[in-house]
Amino acid sequence: MNNIDMNLVAQSLNQKLAVANYTASSWEAKATQLEQENSQLKSQLEELKKQNDEKGDK
């Protein structure tokens, strides 16, 4: 392989790495969003359980 071939290989690998990093970053952002939604839903569930228990006590 000559230097031009090696440069093309390096360029191609760098592009693939950039895409992989972008994809990983996107999944990480989605995971964070889902964790936040999960936390909110858990809070809502606890609030509904509390309200249900209060109704049951009456």
N, C-alpha and C. Protein backbone atom coordinates (compact mmCIF):
# COMPACT_ATOMS: atom_id res chain seq x y z
N MET A 1 0.85 -1.20 0.00
CA MET A 1 0.00 0.00 0.00
C MET A 1 0.88 1.24 0.00
N ASN A 2 0.50 2.18 -0.81
CA ASN A 2 1.26 3.44 -0.79
C ASN A 2 0.61 4.45 0.16
N ASN A 3 1.24 5.60 0.26
CA ASN A 3 0.76 6.61 1.21
C ASN A 3 -0.66 7.10 0.90
N ILE A 4 -0.98 7.20 -0.39
CA ILE A 4 -2.33 7.65 -0.77
C ILE A 4 -3.37 6.64 -0.30
N ASP A 5 -3.09 5.35 -0.52
CA ASP A 5 -4.01 4.31 -0.06
C ASP A 5 -4.18 4.37 1.45
N MET A 6 -3.09 4.54 2.18
CA MET A 6 -3.16 4.60 3.64
C MET A 6 -3.95 5.82 4.10
N ASN A 7 -3.77 6.94 3.39
CA ASN A 7 -4.54 8.14 3.74
C ASN A 7 -6.04 7.92 3.52
N LEU A 8 -6.37 7.25 2.43
CA LEU A 8 -7.79 6.96 2.16
C LEU A 8 -8.36 6.02 3.21
N VAL A 9 -7.58 5.02 3.60
CA VAL A 9 -8.03 4.10 4.66
C VAL A 9 -8.24 4.87 5.96
N ALA A 10 -7.28 5.72 6.30
CA ALA A 10 -7.39 6.51 7.53
C ALA A 10 -8.61 7.43 7.48
N GLN A 11 -8.83 8.07 6.34
CA GLN A 11 -10.00 8.96 6.18
C GLN A 11 -11.29 8.17 6.37
N SER A 12 -11.34 7.02 5.73
CA SER A 12 -12.54 6.19 5.82
C SER A 12 -12.80 5.76 7.27
N LEU A 13 -11.74 5.35 7.96
CA LEU A 13 -11.90 4.93 9.35
C LEU A 13 -12.32 6.10 10.23
N ASN A 14 -11.77 7.27 9.97
CA ASN A 14 -12.16 8.45 10.74
C ASN A 14 -13.63 8.79 10.53
N GLN A 15 -14.10 8.67 9.30
CA GLN A 15 -15.51 8.93 9.01
C GLN A 15 -16.40 7.92 9.73
N LYS A 16 -16.00 6.66 9.69
CA LYS A 16 -16.79 5.63 10.38
C LYS A 16 -16.81 5.86 11.89
N LEU A 17 -15.68 6.29 12.42
CA LEU A 17 -15.59 6.58 13.85
C LEU A 17 -16.49 7.77 14.20
N ALA A 18 -16.49 8.78 13.36
CA ALA A 18 -17.35 9.95 13.61
C ALA A 18 -18.81 9.54 13.63
N VAL A 19 -19.21 8.69 12.69
CA VAL A 19 -20.60 8.21 12.64
C VAL A 19 -20.91 7.39 13.90
N ALA A 20 -19.99 6.52 14.28
CA ALA A 20 -20.20 5.70 15.48
C ALA A 20 -20.32 6.57 16.73
N ASN A 21 -19.49 7.60 16.82
CA ASN A 21 -19.55 8.51 17.97
C ASN A 21 -20.87 9.26 18.00
N TYR A 22 -21.32 9.70 16.83
CA TYR A 22 -22.60 10.41 16.75
C TYR A 22 -23.74 9.48 17.17
N THR A 23 -23.69 8.25 16.67
CA THR A 23 -24.73 7.28 17.01
C THR A 23 -24.74 6.99 18.51
N ALA A 24 -23.56 6.79 19.08
CA ALA A 24 -23.46 6.54 20.52
C ALA A 24 -23.99 7.72 21.31
N SER A 25 -23.66 8.91 20.88
CA SER A 25 -24.12 10.12 21.55
C SER A 25 -25.65 10.22 21.48
N SER A 26 -26.20 9.88 20.34
CA SER A 26 -27.66 9.92 20.17
C SER A 26 -28.35 8.92 21.11
N TRP A 27 -27.79 7.71 21.19
CA TRP A 27 -28.37 6.69 22.08
C TRP A 27 -28.24 7.10 23.53
N GLU A 28 -27.12 7.73 23.87
CA GLU A 28 -26.91 8.19 25.25
C GLU A 28 -27.94 9.26 25.61
N ALA A 29 -28.19 10.18 24.68
CA ALA A 29 -29.20 11.22 24.91
C ALA A 29 -30.58 10.60 25.08
N LYS A 30 -30.89 9.60 24.25
CA LYS A 30 -32.18 8.93 24.34
C LYS A 30 -32.31 8.20 25.67
N ALA A 31 -31.23 7.55 26.10
CA ALA A 31 -31.25 6.84 27.39
C ALA A 31 -31.50 7.81 28.54
N THR A 32 -30.85 8.96 28.49
CA THR A 32 -31.06 9.99 29.53
C THR A 32 -32.51 10.45 29.53
N GLN A 33 -33.05 10.68 28.34
CA GLN A 33 -34.45 11.10 28.23
C GLN A 33 -35.37 10.04 28.83
N LEU A 34 -35.11 8.77 28.51
CA LEU A 34 -35.96 7.69 29.02
C LEU A 34 -35.84 7.55 30.53
N GLU A 35 -34.65 7.77 31.07
CA GLU A 35 -34.47 7.72 32.53
C GLU A 35 -35.29 8.82 33.19
N GLN A 36 -35.28 10.01 32.60
CA GLN A 36 -36.07 11.12 33.15
C GLN A 36 -37.56 10.82 33.09
N GLU A 37 -38.01 10.30 31.95
CA GLU A 37 -39.42 9.95 31.81
C GLU A 37 -39.81 8.87 32.81
N ASN A 38 -38.93 7.89 32.98
CA ASN A 38 -39.18 6.82 33.93
C ASN A 38 -39.32 7.36 35.35
N SER A 39 -38.45 8.28 35.70
CA SER A 39 -38.49 8.90 37.02
C SER A 39 -39.81 9.66 37.22
N GLN A 40 -40.21 10.40 36.20
CA GLN A 40 -41.48 11.15 36.29
C GLN A 40 -42.66 10.19 36.43
N LEU A 41 -42.64 9.12 35.66
CA LEU A 41 -43.74 8.15 35.73
C LEU A 41 -43.79 7.45 37.09
N LYS A 42 -42.62 7.16 37.65
CA LYS A 42 -42.59 6.56 38.99
C LYS A 42 -43.20 7.51 40.01
N SER A 43 -42.85 8.79 39.90
CA SER A 43 -43.42 9.80 40.82
C SER A 43 -44.93 9.88 40.67
N GLN A 44 -45.38 9.88 39.42
CA GLN A 44 -46.83 9.93 39.18
C GLN A 44 -47.52 8.69 39.74
N LEU A 45 -46.89 7.54 39.56
CA LEU A 45 -47.46 6.30 40.08
C LEU A 45 -47.56 6.34 41.60
N GLU A 46 -46.50 6.82 42.26
CA GLU A 46 -46.53 6.92 43.72
C GLU A 46 -47.63 7.87 44.18
N GLU A 47 -47.79 8.98 43.46
CA GLU A 47 -48.83 9.95 43.80
C GLU A 47 -50.22 9.32 43.65
N LEU A 48 -50.42 8.56 42.57
CA LEU A 48 -51.71 7.90 42.36
C LEU A 48 -51.96 6.83 43.42
N LYS A 49 -50.92 6.10 43.80
CA LYS A 49 -51.07 5.10 44.86
C LYS A 49 -51.49 5.77 46.16
N LYS A 50 -50.85 6.92 46.44
CA LYS A 50 -51.15 7.66 47.66
C LYS A 50 -52.61 8.13 47.65
N GLN A 51 -53.03 8.68 46.51
CA GLN A 51 -54.43 9.13 46.39
C GLN A 51 -55.39 7.96 46.54
N ASN A 52 -55.02 6.82 45.97
CA ASN A 52 -55.87 5.63 46.04
C ASN A 52 -55.98 5.14 47.48
N ASP A 53 -54.86 5.17 48.19
CA ASP A 53 -54.87 4.75 49.59
C ASP A 53 -55.74 5.67 50.43
N GLU A 54 -55.67 6.97 50.14
CA GLU A 54 -56.49 7.94 50.88
C GLU A 54 -57.97 7.71 50.62
N LYS A 55 -58.34 7.38 49.40
CA LYS A 55 -59.73 7.07 49.08
C LYS A 55 -60.18 5.79 49.80
N GLY A 56 -59.27 4.84 49.87
CA GLY A 56 -59.59 3.57 50.52
C GLY A 56 -59.80 3.73 52.02
N ASP A 57 -59.16 4.72 52.62
CA ASP A 57 -59.28 4.95 54.05
C ASP A 57 -60.61 5.58 54.43
N LYS A 58 -61.29 6.20 53.46
CA LYS A 58 -62.55 6.91 53.75
C LYS A 58 -63.70 5.95 53.92
